Amino acid sequence: MKDKRGLYYYPFPQNQKVRMYVNKSKDEICFRLWNNDDSKLWEEHGWVPYSAIKQAIPLYDGSKFNPNEAYDIEIARSLIAENESFRK
């Protein structure tokens, strides 16, 4: 999906107030979280490269926010590829 902020997917499909935006910066896919209930989240947190996310995944403590679910590199790649094919 795409809106004025860019390409996104719902990392938690049951909660469509949360969106994960994706883009390709140079040669790396980056993620940025947006939450309709937390207007400051978008402003306070910038784009995060997937390499940084992979480094942080071992620190996941089993809490509610599972980075393996939220930051889905396969969905991100598909969205970016689909968007690039539409541009041609």
Protein backbone atom coordinates (compact mmCIF):
# COMPACT_ATOMS: atom_id res chain seq x y z
CA MET A 1 0.00 0.00 0.00
CA LYS A 2 1.07 3.58 -0.47
CA ASP A 3 0.10 6.97 0.89
CA LYS A 4 1.68 10.41 1.25
CA ARG A 5 4.36 9.03 3.63
CA GLY A 6 5.32 6.23 1.26
CA LEU A 7 5.02 2.46 0.97
CA TYR A 8 3.68 0.61 3.98
CA TYR A 9 2.21 -2.58 5.35
CA TYR A 10 0.39 -3.47 8.54
CA PRO A 11 2.88 -5.22 10.84
CA PHE A 12 0.00 -6.25 13.09
CA PRO A 13 -2.94 -6.87 10.72
CA GLN A 14 -5.46 -6.84 13.56
CA ASN A 15 -4.42 -3.24 14.37
CA GLN A 16 -4.61 -1.04 11.29
CA LYS A 17 -3.74 2.04 13.33
CA VAL A 18 -0.09 0.91 13.12
CA ARG A 19 1.79 1.00 9.84
CA MET A 20 5.33 0.02 8.93
CA TYR A 21 6.77 2.18 6.18
CA VAL A 22 9.58 0.92 3.98
CA ASN A 23 12.00 2.50 1.57
CA LYS A 24 15.28 1.72 -0.08
CA SER A 25 18.10 4.02 0.92
CA LYS A 26 21.13 3.43 -1.28
CA ASP A 27 21.39 -0.37 -1.23
CA GLU A 28 19.60 -1.06 2.03
CA ILE A 29 15.96 -1.39 2.99
CA CYS A 30 14.88 0.86 5.86
CA PHE A 31 11.81 0.78 8.09
CA ARG A 32 9.87 3.45 9.95
CA LEU A 33 6.96 2.88 12.29
CA TRP A 34 3.83 5.04 12.37
CA ASN A 35 1.04 4.79 14.91
CA ASN A 36 -2.22 6.72 14.61
CA ASP A 37 -2.49 6.80 18.42
CA ASP A 38 1.05 8.19 18.91
CA SER A 39 1.60 11.25 16.73
CA LYS A 40 5.11 11.84 18.08
CA LEU A 41 6.39 8.40 17.08
CA TRP A 42 6.90 9.37 13.43
CA GLU A 43 8.70 12.59 14.32
CA GLU A 44 10.88 11.15 17.08
CA HIS A 45 12.04 8.02 15.25
CA GLY A 46 13.60 8.14 11.81
CA TRP A 47 14.31 5.49 9.24
CA VAL A 48 16.04 2.39 10.60
CA PRO A 49 18.20 0.26 8.30
CA TYR A 50 17.45 -3.44 8.29
CA SER A 51 21.07 -4.20 9.26
CA ALA A 52 20.51 -2.34 12.55
CA ILE A 53 17.28 -4.24 13.14
CA LYS A 54 19.03 -7.58 12.59
CA GLN A 55 21.67 -6.60 15.16
CA ALA A 56 18.98 -5.72 17.71
CA ILE A 57 16.82 -8.85 17.24
CA PRO A 58 18.91 -10.96 19.69
CA LEU A 59 18.02 -8.40 22.38
CA TYR A 60 14.29 -9.16 22.01
CA ASP A 61 12.98 -10.13 25.44
CA GLY A 62 9.66 -11.74 24.50
CA SER A 63 7.62 -8.60 25.15
CA LYS A 64 4.63 -7.53 23.08
CA PHE A 65 6.57 -5.94 20.21
CA ASN A 66 8.25 -8.79 18.33
CA PRO A 67 10.77 -7.35 15.85
CA ASN A 68 10.73 -10.55 13.78
CA GLU A 69 7.05 -9.96 13.08
CA ALA A 70 7.05 -6.18 12.81
CA TYR A 71 10.08 -5.78 10.55
CA ASP A 72 9.29 -8.19 7.73
CA ILE A 73 12.06 -7.95 5.14
CA GLU A 74 10.20 -10.14 2.64
CA ILE A 75 7.13 -7.92 2.65
CA ALA A 76 9.37 -4.86 2.39
CA ARG A 77 11.23 -6.30 -0.62
CA SER A 78 7.95 -7.18 -2.32
CA LEU A 79 6.47 -3.71 -1.80
CA ILE A 80 9.59 -1.99 -3.11
CA ALA A 81 9.87 -4.30 -6.13
CA GLU A 82 6.19 -3.88 -6.95
CA ASN A 83 6.50 -0.10 -6.68
CA GLU A 84 9.59 -0.07 -8.92
CA SER A 85 7.82 -2.16 -11.58
CA PHE A 86 4.94 0.35 -11.67
CA ARG A 87 7.41 3.19 -12.30
CA LYS A 88 8.71 1.56 -15.49
